[in-house]
Amino acid sequence: STVAIDGIVAMNDFVASAVVDELTKLGYTGSAADINPSIS
């Protein structure tokens, strides 16, 4: 199961891209549009 996580400092965009892919595989859902309901 996954644990709740509020923020990840990935340092650079190469790591950030891999983080985005792995978060998706781990089942994390949503995006900035969910974090900010007024943003679509």
PDB file of all heavy atoms in Angstrom:
ATOM      1  N   SER A   1       0.856  -1.177   0.000  1.00  0.00           N
ATOM      2  CA  SER A   1       0.000   0.000   0.000  1.00  0.00           C
ATOM      3  C   SER A   1       0.896   1.232   0.000  1.00  0.00           C
ATOM      4  O   SER A   1       2.077   1.144   0.338  1.00  0.00           O
ATOM      5  CB  SER A   1      -0.914   0.016   1.233  1.00  0.00           C
ATOM      6  OG  SER A   1      -0.143   0.068   2.418  1.00  0.00           O
ATOM      7  N   THR A   2       0.347   2.353  -0.382  1.00  0.00           N
ATOM      8  CA  THR A   2       1.129   3.582  -0.425  1.00  0.00           C
ATOM      9  C   THR A   2       0.863   4.421   0.813  1.00  0.00           C
ATOM     10  O   THR A   2      -0.170   4.298   1.457  1.00  0.00           O
ATOM     11  CB  THR A   2       0.770   4.410  -1.671  1.00  0.00           C
ATOM     12  OG1 THR A   2      -0.648   4.639  -1.694  1.00  0.00           O
ATOM     13  CG2 THR A   2       1.172   3.687  -2.935  1.00  0.00           C
ATOM     14  N   VAL A   3       1.820   5.276   1.124  1.00  0.00           N
ATOM     15  CA  VAL A   3       1.672   6.168   2.270  1.00  0.00           C
ATOM     16  C   VAL A   3       1.346   7.565   1.765  1.00  0.00           C
ATOM     17  O   VAL A   3       1.661   7.919   0.632  1.00  0.00           O
ATOM     18  CB  VAL A   3       2.964   6.213   3.113  1.00  0.00           C
ATOM     19  CG1 VAL A   3       3.293   4.842   3.668  1.00  0.00           C
ATOM     20  CG2 VAL A   3       4.133   6.734   2.276  1.00  0.00           C
ATOM     21  N   ALA A   4       0.708   8.362   2.611  1.00  0.00           N
ATOM     22  CA  ALA A   4       0.380   9.732   2.234  1.00  0.00           C
ATOM     23  C   ALA A   4       1.662  10.552   2.115  1.00  0.00           C
ATOM     24  O   ALA A   4       2.555  10.444   2.944  1.00  0.00           O
ATOM     25  CB  ALA A   4      -0.548  10.343   3.279  1.00  0.00           C
ATOM     26  N   ILE A   5       1.735  11.336   1.066  1.00  0.00           N
ATOM     27  CA  ILE A   5       2.913  12.171   0.837  1.00  0.00           C
ATOM     28  C   ILE A   5       2.446  13.529   0.311  1.00  0.00           C
ATOM     29  O   ILE A   5       1.657  13.603  -0.622  1.00  0.00           O
ATOM     30  CB  ILE A   5       3.888  11.479  -0.160  1.00  0.00           C
ATOM     31  CG1 ILE A   5       5.109  12.352  -0.425  1.00  0.00           C
ATOM     32  CG2 ILE A   5       3.191  11.100  -1.440  1.00  0.00           C
ATOM     33  CD1 ILE A   5       6.076  12.392   0.724  1.00  0.00           C
ATOM     34  N   ASP A   6       2.923  14.591   0.933  1.00  0.00           N
ATOM     35  CA  ASP A   6       2.505  15.934   0.532  1.00  0.00           C
ATOM     36  C   ASP A   6       3.451  16.586  -0.470  1.00  0.00           C
ATOM     37  O   ASP A   6       3.010  17.368  -1.315  1.00  0.00           O
ATOM     38  CB  ASP A   6       2.404  16.840   1.766  1.00  0.00           C
ATOM     39  CG  ASP A   6       1.308  16.395   2.713  1.00  0.00           C
ATOM     40  OD1 ASP A   6       0.137  16.423   2.304  1.00  0.00           O
ATOM     41  OD2 ASP A   6       1.627  16.016   3.858  1.00  0.00           O
ATOM     42  N   GLY A   7       4.734  16.309  -0.350  1.00  0.00           N
ATOM     43  CA  GLY A   7       5.681  16.964  -1.234  1.00  0.00           C
ATOM     44  C   GLY A   7       6.937  16.152  -1.474  1.00  0.00           C
ATOM     45  O   GLY A   7       7.381  15.409  -0.585  1.00  0.00           O
ATOM     46  N   ILE A   8       7.493  16.279  -2.675  1.00  0.00           N
ATOM     47  CA  ILE A   8       8.739  15.588  -3.031  1.00  0.00           C
ATOM     48  C   ILE A   8       9.674  16.580  -3.704  1.00  0.00           C
ATOM     49  O   ILE A   8       9.343  17.169  -4.738  1.00  0.00           O
ATOM     50  CB  ILE A   8       8.485  14.413  -4.000  1.00  0.00           C
ATOM     51  CG1 ILE A   8       7.578  13.367  -3.346  1.00  0.00           C
ATOM     52  CG2 ILE A   8       9.805  13.783  -4.431  1.00  0.00           C
ATOM     53  CD1 ILE A   8       7.173  12.236  -4.289  1.00  0.00           C
ATOM     54  N   VAL A   9      10.836  16.795  -3.109  1.00  0.00           N
ATOM     55  CA  VAL A   9      11.878  17.612  -3.734  1.00  0.00           C
ATOM     56  C   VAL A   9      12.712  16.676  -4.597  1.00  0.00           C
ATOM     57  O   VAL A   9      13.475  15.860  -4.079  1.00  0.00           O
ATOM     58  CB  VAL A   9      12.766  18.304  -2.677  1.00  0.00           C
ATOM     59  CG1 VAL A   9      13.866  19.113  -3.365  1.00  0.00           C
ATOM     60  CG2 VAL A   9      11.930  19.211  -1.780  1.00  0.00           C
ATOM     61  N   ALA A  10      12.543  16.774  -5.919  1.00  0.00           N
ATOM     62  CA  ALA A  10      13.204  15.841  -6.835  1.00  0.00           C
ATOM     63  C   ALA A  10      14.534  16.375  -7.357  1.00  0.00           C
ATOM     64  O   ALA A  10      15.246  15.678  -8.070  1.00  0.00           O
ATOM     65  CB  ALA A  10      12.282  15.517  -8.003  1.00  0.00           C
ATOM     66  N   MET A  11      14.866  17.628  -7.062  1.00  0.00           N
ATOM     67  CA  MET A  11      16.140  18.259  -7.399  1.00  0.00           C
ATOM     68  C   MET A  11      16.301  18.666  -8.860  1.00  0.00           C
ATOM     69  O   MET A  11      16.685  19.787  -9.153  1.00  0.00           O
ATOM     70  CB  MET A  11      17.332  17.392  -6.983  1.00  0.00           C
ATOM     71  CG  MET A  11      17.480  17.252  -5.497  1.00  0.00           C
ATOM     72  SD  MET A  11      17.771  18.853  -4.702  1.00  0.00           S
ATOM     73  CE  MET A  11      17.961  18.339  -3.013  1.00  0.00           C
ATOM     74  N   ASN A  12      16.018  17.755  -9.811  1.00  0.00           N
ATOM     75  CA  ASN A  12      16.116  18.132 -11.217  1.00  0.00           C
ATOM     76  C   ASN A  12      15.001  17.476 -12.015  1.00  0.00           C
ATOM     77  O   ASN A  12      14.321  16.568 -11.537  1.00  0.00           O
ATOM     78  CB  ASN A  12      17.497  17.810 -11.801  1.00  0.00           C
ATOM     79  CG  ASN A  12      17.818  16.327 -11.765  1.00  0.00           C
ATOM     80  OD1 ASN A  12      17.093  15.507 -12.323  1.00  0.00           O
ATOM     81  ND2 ASN A  12      18.924  15.971 -11.114  1.00  0.00           N
ATOM     82  N   ASP A  13      14.799  17.932 -13.234  1.00  0.00           N
ATOM     83  CA  ASP A  13      13.667  17.471 -14.032  1.00  0.00           C
ATOM     84  C   ASP A  13      13.809  16.025 -14.490  1.00  0.00           C
ATOM     85  O   ASP A  13      12.808  15.360 -14.773  1.00  0.00           O
ATOM     86  CB  ASP A  13      13.470  18.379 -15.243  1.00  0.00           C
ATOM     87  CG  ASP A  13      12.841  19.707 -14.866  1.00  0.00           C
ATOM     88  OD1 ASP A  13      12.540  19.901 -13.672  1.00  0.00           O
ATOM     89  OD2 ASP A  13      12.648  20.554 -15.760  1.00  0.00           O
ATOM     90  N   PHE A  14      15.037  15.536 -14.588  1.00  0.00           N
ATOM     91  CA  PHE A  14      15.223  14.126 -14.925  1.00  0.00           C
ATOM     92  C   PHE A  14      14.638  13.249 -13.829  1.00  0.00           C
ATOM     93  O   PHE A  14      13.874  12.315 -14.080  1.00  0.00           O
ATOM     94  CB  PHE A  14      16.709  13.818 -15.108  1.00  0.00           C
ATOM     95  CG  PHE A  14      17.015  12.340 -15.200  1.00  0.00           C
ATOM     96  CD1 PHE A  14      16.670  11.628 -16.335  1.00  0.00           C
ATOM     97  CD2 PHE A  14      17.630  11.678 -14.156  1.00  0.00           C
ATOM     98  CE1 PHE A  14      16.939  10.263 -16.425  1.00  0.00           C
ATOM     99  CE2 PHE A  14      17.905  10.316 -14.236  1.00  0.00           C
ATOM    100  CZ  PHE A  14      17.556   9.610 -15.378  1.00  0.00           C
ATOM    101  N   VAL A  15      14.982  13.557 -12.583  1.00  0.00           N
ATOM    102  CA  VAL A  15      14.452  12.805 -11.447  1.00  0.00           C
ATOM    103  C   VAL A  15      12.950  13.036 -11.326  1.00  0.00           C
ATOM    104  O   VAL A  15      12.184  12.104 -11.063  1.00  0.00           O
ATOM    105  CB  VAL A  15      15.169  13.204 -10.140  1.00  0.00           C
ATOM    106  CG1 VAL A  15      14.532  12.512  -8.936  1.00  0.00           C
ATOM    107  CG2 VAL A  15      16.653  12.843 -10.215  1.00  0.00           C
ATOM    108  N   ALA A  16      12.511  14.279 -11.515  1.00  0.00           N
ATOM    109  CA  ALA A  16      11.087  14.600 -11.393  1.00  0.00           C
ATOM    110  C   ALA A  16      10.251  13.806 -12.387  1.00  0.00           C
ATOM    111  O   ALA A  16       9.161  13.324 -12.063  1.00  0.00           O
ATOM    112  CB  ALA A  16      10.870  16.097 -11.595  1.00  0.00           C
ATOM    113  N   SER A  17      10.759  13.652 -13.606  1.00  0.00           N
ATOM    114  CA  SER A  17      10.038  12.893 -14.625  1.00  0.00           C
ATOM    115  C   SER A  17       9.881  11.433 -14.204  1.00  0.00           C
ATOM    116  O   SER A  17       8.811  10.833 -14.355  1.00  0.00           O
ATOM    117  CB  SER A  17      10.779  12.968 -15.961  1.00  0.00           C
ATOM    118  OG  SER A  17      10.128  12.217 -16.961  1.00  0.00           O
ATOM    119  N   ALA A  18      10.963  10.856 -13.657  1.00  0.00           N
ATOM    120  CA  ALA A  18      10.899   9.471 -13.191  1.00  0.00           C
ATOM    121  C   ALA A  18       9.966   9.352 -11.986  1.00  0.00           C
ATOM    122  O   ALA A  18       9.268   8.346 -11.824  1.00  0.00           O
ATOM    123  CB  ALA A  18      12.299   8.980 -12.826  1.00  0.00           C
ATOM    124  N   VAL A  19       9.941  10.384 -11.146  1.00  0.00           N
ATOM    125  CA  VAL A  19       9.038  10.398  -9.985  1.00  0.00           C
ATOM    126  C   VAL A  19       7.588  10.391 -10.450  1.00  0.00           C
ATOM    127  O   VAL A  19       6.750   9.657  -9.909  1.00  0.00           O
ATOM    128  CB  VAL A  19       9.319  11.633  -9.102  1.00  0.00           C
ATOM    129  CG1 VAL A  19       8.174  11.869  -8.116  1.00  0.00           C
ATOM    130  CG2 VAL A  19      10.625  11.457  -8.346  1.00  0.00           C
ATOM    131  N   VAL A  20       7.274  11.215 -11.444  1.00  0.00           N
ATOM    132  CA  VAL A  20       5.905  11.272 -11.971  1.00  0.00           C
ATOM    133  C   VAL A  20       5.476   9.901 -12.489  1.00  0.00           C
ATOM    134  O   VAL A  20       4.359   9.436 -12.216  1.00  0.00           O
ATOM    135  CB  VAL A  20       5.813  12.328 -13.098  1.00  0.00           C
ATOM    136  CG1 VAL A  20       4.500  12.186 -13.870  1.00  0.00           C
ATOM    137  CG2 VAL A  20       5.927  13.729 -12.509  1.00  0.00           C
ATOM    138  N   ASP A  21       6.355   9.238 -13.222  1.00  0.00           N
ATOM    139  CA  ASP A  21       6.034   7.906 -13.762  1.00  0.00           C
ATOM    140  C   ASP A  21       5.800   6.901 -12.644  1.00  0.00           C
ATOM    141  O   ASP A  21       4.856   6.110 -12.692  1.00  0.00           O
ATOM    142  CB  ASP A  21       7.163   7.420 -14.673  1.00  0.00           C
ATOM    143  CG  ASP A  21       7.256   8.208 -15.966  1.00  0.00           C
ATOM    144  OD1 ASP A  21       6.273   8.892 -16.312  1.00  0.00           O
ATOM    145  OD2 ASP A  21       8.317   8.157 -16.621  1.00  0.00           O
ATOM    146  N   GLU A  22       6.650   6.925 -11.616  1.00  0.00           N
ATOM    147  CA  GLU A  22       6.536   5.947 -10.545  1.00  0.00           C
ATOM    148  C   GLU A  22       5.334   6.227  -9.647  1.00  0.00           C
ATOM    149  O   GLU A  22       4.677   5.281  -9.181  1.00  0.00           O
ATOM    150  CB  GLU A  22       7.823   5.923  -9.712  1.00  0.00           C
ATOM    151  CG  GLU A  22       7.864   4.818  -8.662  1.00  0.00           C
ATOM    152  CD  GLU A  22       7.735   3.416  -9.248  1.00  0.00           C
ATOM    153  OE1 GLU A  22       8.040   3.229 -10.445  1.00  0.00           O
ATOM    154  OE2 GLU A  22       7.313   2.498  -8.493  1.00  0.00           O
ATOM    155  N   LEU A  23       5.024   7.476  -9.408  1.00  0.00           N
ATOM    156  CA  LEU A  23       3.835   7.809  -8.617  1.00  0.00           C
ATOM    157  C   LEU A  23       2.581   7.261  -9.294  1.00  0.00           C
ATOM    158  O   LEU A  23       1.658   6.755  -8.623  1.00  0.00           O
ATOM    159  CB  LEU A  23       3.713   9.322  -8.446  1.00  0.00           C
ATOM    160  CG  LEU A  23       4.674   9.992  -7.468  1.00  0.00           C
ATOM    161  CD1 LEU A  23       4.542  11.515  -7.557  1.00  0.00           C
ATOM    162  CD2 LEU A  23       4.425   9.528  -6.033  1.00  0.00           C
ATOM    163  N   THR A  24       2.555   7.346 -10.622  1.00  0.00           N
ATOM    164  CA  THR A  24       1.424   6.810 -11.375  1.00  0.00           C
ATOM    165  C   THR A  24       1.335   5.299 -11.203  1.00  0.00           C
ATOM    166  O   THR A  24       0.251   4.740 -10.974  1.00  0.00           O
ATOM    167  CB  THR A  24       1.561   7.163 -12.873  1.00  0.00           C
ATOM    168  OG1 THR A  24       1.645   8.576 -13.018  1.00  0.00           O
ATOM    169  CG2 THR A  24       0.371   6.647 -13.664  1.00  0.00           C
ATOM    170  N   LYS A  25       2.475   4.623 -11.289  1.00  0.00           N
ATOM    171  CA  LYS A  25       2.500   3.166 -11.132  1.00  0.00           C
ATOM    172  C   LYS A  25       2.105   2.742  -9.718  1.00  0.00           C
ATOM    173  O   LYS A  25       1.486   1.689  -9.519  1.00  0.00           O
ATOM    174  CB  LYS A  25       3.894   2.633 -11.456  1.00  0.00           C
ATOM    175  CG  LYS A  25       4.289   2.771 -12.924  1.00  0.00           C
ATOM    176  CD  LYS A  25       5.709   2.279 -13.165  1.00  0.00           C
ATOM    177  CE  LYS A  25       6.119   2.478 -14.618  1.00  0.00           C
ATOM    178  NZ  LYS A  25       7.526   2.040 -14.860  1.00  0.00           N
ATOM    179  N   LEU A  26       2.473   3.564  -8.739  1.00  0.00           N
ATOM    180  CA  LEU A  26       2.143   3.237  -7.346  1.00  0.00           C
ATOM    181  C   LEU A  26       0.685   3.511  -7.011  1.00  0.00           C
ATOM    182  O   LEU A  26       0.223   3.142  -5.933  1.00  0.00           O
ATOM    183  CB  LEU A  26       3.044   4.030  -6.398  1.00  0.00           C
ATOM    184  CG  LEU A  26       4.521   3.632  -6.353  1.00  0.00           C
ATOM    185  CD1 LEU A  26       5.320   4.616  -5.499  1.00  0.00           C
ATOM    186  CD2 LEU A  26       4.678   2.207  -5.813  1.00  0.00           C
ATOM    187  N   GLY A  27      -0.031   4.151  -7.925  1.00  0.00           N
ATOM    188  CA  GLY A  27      -1.456   4.365  -7.712  1.00  0.00           C
ATOM    189  C   GLY A  27      -1.843   5.729  -7.177  1.00  0.00           C
ATOM    190  O   GLY A  27      -3.007   5.941  -6.817  1.00  0.00           O
ATOM    191  N   TYR A  28      -0.890   6.654  -7.114  1.00  0.00           N
ATOM    192  CA  TYR A  28      -1.252   8.011  -6.689  1.00  0.00           C
ATOM    193  C   TYR A  28      -2.064   8.657  -7.806  1.00  0.00           C
ATOM    194  O   TYR A  28      -1.767   8.478  -8.990  1.00  0.00           O
ATOM    195  CB  TYR A  28       0.004   8.833  -6.390  1.00  0.00           C
ATOM    196  CG  TYR A  28       0.692   8.418  -5.117  1.00  0.00           C
ATOM    197  CD1 TYR A  28       1.652   7.400  -5.122  1.00  0.00           C
ATOM    198  CD2 TYR A  28       0.359   9.010  -3.898  1.00  0.00           C
ATOM    199  CE1 TYR A  28       2.272   6.990  -3.952  1.00  0.00           C
ATOM    200  CE2 TYR A  28       0.981   8.615  -2.720  1.00  0.00           C
ATOM    201  CZ  TYR A  28       1.929   7.604  -2.754  1.00  0.00           C
ATOM    202  OH  TYR A  28       2.541   7.196  -1.591  1.00  0.00           O
ATOM    203  N   THR A  29      -3.084   9.399  -7.420  1.00  0.00           N
ATOM    204  CA  THR A  29      -3.987   9.969  -8.412  1.00  0.00           C
ATOM    205  C   THR A  29      -4.142  11.471  -8.218  1.00  0.00           C
ATOM    206  O   THR A  29      -3.857  12.011  -7.152  1.00  0.00           O
ATOM    207  CB  THR A  29      -5.382   9.324  -8.314  1.00  0.00           C
ATOM    208  OG1 THR A  29      -5.903   9.536  -6.995  1.00  0.00           O
ATOM    209  CG2 THR A  29      -5.301   7.830  -8.604  1.00  0.00           C
ATOM    210  N   GLY A  30      -4.630  12.118  -9.280  1.00  0.00           N
ATOM    211  CA  GLY A  30      -4.876  13.542  -9.209  1.00  0.00           C
ATOM    212  C   GLY A  30      -3.779  14.328  -9.886  1.00  0.00           C
ATOM    213  O   GLY A  30      -2.929  13.785 -10.592  1.00  0.00           O
ATOM    214  N   SER A  31      -3.794  15.603  -9.662  1.00  0.00           N
ATOM    215  CA  SER A  31      -2.813  16.509 -10.251  1.00  0.00           C
ATOM    216  C   SER A  31      -2.971  17.856  -9.591  1.00  0.00           C
ATOM    217  O   SER A  31      -3.693  18.008  -8.609  1.00  0.00           O
ATOM    218  CB  SER A  31      -3.041  16.643 -11.766  1.00  0.00           C
ATOM    219  OG  SER A  31      -4.256  17.333 -12.009  1.00  0.00           O
ATOM    220  N   ALA A  32      -2.298  18.853 -10.138  1.00  0.00           N
ATOM    221  CA  ALA A  32      -2.438  20.202  -9.608  1.00  0.00           C
ATOM    222  C   ALA A  32      -3.874  20.684  -9.734  1.00  0.00           C
ATOM    223  O   ALA A  32      -4.333  21.516  -8.947  1.00  0.00           O
ATOM    224  CB  ALA A  32      -1.512  21.155 -10.345  1.00  0.00           C
ATOM    225  N   ALA A  33      -4.610  20.170 -10.735  1.00  0.00           N
ATOM    226  CA  ALA A  33      -6.004  20.575 -10.909  1.00  0.00           C
ATOM    227  C   ALA A  33      -6.854  20.096  -9.736  1.00  0.00           C
ATOM    228  O   ALA A  33      -7.844  20.724  -9.373  1.00  0.00           O
ATOM    229  CB  ALA A  33      -6.551  20.017 -12.213  1.00  0.00           C
ATOM    230  N   ASP A  34      -6.461  18.958  -9.104  1.00  0.00           N
ATOM    231  CA  ASP A  34      -7.183  18.468  -7.935  1.00  0.00           C
ATOM    232  C   ASP A  34      -6.748  19.209  -6.679  1.00  0.00           C
ATOM    233  O   ASP A  34      -7.556  19.518  -5.806  1.00  0.00           O
ATOM    234  CB  ASP A  34      -6.929  16.960  -7.747  1.00  0.00           C
ATOM    235  CG  ASP A  34      -7.416  16.159  -8.936  1.00  0.00           C
ATOM    236  OD1 ASP A  34      -8.548  16.403  -9.370  1.00  0.00           O
ATOM    237  OD2 ASP A  34      -6.649  15.317  -9.422  1.00  0.00           O
ATOM    238  N   ILE A  35      -5.440  19.480  -6.611  1.00  0.00           N
ATOM    239  CA  ILE A  35      -4.913  20.194  -5.456  1.00  0.00           C
ATOM    240  C   ILE A  35      -5.464  21.618  -5.430  1.00  0.00           C
ATOM    241  O   ILE A  35      -5.700  22.196  -4.386  1.00  0.00           O
ATOM    242  CB  ILE A  35      -3.373  20.215  -5.503  1.00  0.00           C
ATOM    243  CG1 ILE A  35      -2.848  18.794  -5.359  1.00  0.00           C
ATOM    244  CG2 ILE A  35      -2.786  21.110  -4.433  1.00  0.00           C
ATOM    245  CD1 ILE A  35      -1.365  18.652  -5.608  1.00  0.00           C
ATOM    246  N   ASN A  36      -5.679  22.174  -6.616  1.00  0.00           N
ATOM    247  CA  ASN A  36      -6.240  23.517  -6.745  1.00  0.00           C
ATOM    248  C   ASN A  36      -7.559  23.395  -7.503  1.00  0.00           C
ATOM    249  O   ASN A  36      -7.573  23.423  -8.732  1.00  0.00           O
ATOM    250  CB  ASN A  36      -5.294  24.434  -7.507  1.00  0.00           C
ATOM    251  CG  ASN A  36      -3.973  24.592  -6.778  1.00  0.00           C
ATOM    252  OD1 ASN A  36      -3.823  25.476  -5.962  1.00  0.00           O
ATOM    253  ND2 ASN A  36      -3.028  23.709  -7.083  1.00  0.00           N
ATOM    254  N   PRO A  37      -8.693  23.207  -6.804  1.00  0.00           N
ATOM    255  CA  PRO A  37      -9.972  22.950  -7.471  1.00  0.00           C
ATOM    256  C   PRO A  37     -10.350  24.011  -8.493  1.00  0.00           C
ATOM    257  O   PRO A  37     -11.090  23.738  -9.424  1.00  0.00           O
ATOM    258  CB  PRO A  37     -10.969  22.935  -6.304  1.00  0.00           C
ATOM    259  CG  PRO A  37     -10.142  22.542  -5.119  1.00  0.00           C
ATOM    260  CD  PRO A  37      -8.801  23.170  -5.339  1.00  0.00           C
ATOM    261  N   SER A  38      -9.829  25.234  -8.334  1.00  0.00           N
ATOM    262  CA  SER A  38     -10.195  26.298  -9.270  1.00  0.00           C
ATOM    263  C   SER A  38      -9.405  26.214 -10.563  1.00  0.00           C
ATOM    264  O   SER A  38      -9.649  26.962 -11.499  1.00  0.00           O
ATOM    265  CB  SER A  38      -9.964  27.672  -8.630  1.00  0.00           C
ATOM    266  OG  SER A  38      -8.585  27.867  -8.389  1.00  0.00           O
ATOM    267  N   ILE A  39      -8.428  25.303 -10.613  1.00  0.00           N
ATOM    268  CA  ILE A  39      -7.594  25.185 -11.808  1.00  0.00           C
ATOM    269  C   ILE A  39      -8.024  23.976 -12.626  1.00  0.00           C
ATOM    270  O   ILE A  39      -8.176  22.878 -12.112  1.00  0.00           O
ATOM    271  CB  ILE A  39      -6.112  25.028 -11.444  1.00  0.00           C
ATOM    272  CG1 ILE A  39      -5.618  26.270 -10.733  1.00  0.00           C
ATOM    273  CG2 ILE A  39      -5.282  24.795 -12.703  1.00  0.00           C
ATOM    274  CD1 ILE A  39      -4.182  26.176 -10.322  1.00  0.00           C
ATOM    275  N   SER A  40      -8.245  24.182 -13.891  1.00  0.00           N
ATOM    276  CA  SER A  40      -8.513  23.088 -14.818  1.00  0.00           C
ATOM    277  C   SER A  40      -7.523  23.212 -15.963  1.00  0.00           C
ATOM    278  O   SER A  40      -6.879  24.250 -16.133  1.00  0.00           O
ATOM    279  CB  SER A  40      -9.947  23.178 -15.365  1.00  0.00           C
ATOM    280  OG  SER A  40     -10.111  24.374 -16.111  1.00  0.00           O
TER     281      SER A  40
END
